[in-house]
């Protein structure tokens, strides 16, 4: 009799887990999907607002954004090609020295079994935004344009982060596409 009651208890427990567990996991998945959709929508709005701000700064009113594309730029490898030659050479040297120092410190810490004490300088968070606009009145499509933006993240507290987008300037479209 004791064996039969324990098997019935086990079956009821399993049914309870299924009845209450499945809806819980379905709701959890739906919340995760909605958060990711909101995040994707927020990123698109951020790009659109940045382009609109650039157009406003250039006094170009009455233009509609047709298409836009964003690409992340590696700040260590990137050196602005429109900078003077001496500045580009200095930047390459600074990047090489910084990476060499970090690798040396990392190797030392591995030998000693300690954490790396050398802190890399904070890297710039650079993005290249390519966009095409058209004039609303004449419906003439303008040439594609490219701007460089930098995202500056400021931590307000553990959970909240403030993102500020700074437009560094216009770039040459032909040079960026290569």
Foldseek 3Di string as FASTA:
>chain_A
DVVVVVVVVVVVVVVVCVVPVPVVVVVVVVVVVVVVVVVVVVVVVVLVVVVVVVCVVVVNPQKDWDDKDKDWDDQLPDDDPVDDPVSSVVSVVVSVVLVVVQVVQVVVCVVVVHDRPDDRDDGWGKMKMKTWIAHNPPRHIDDIWIWMKTWDWDDPDDPDIDIDIDTPGTDDPVVVVD
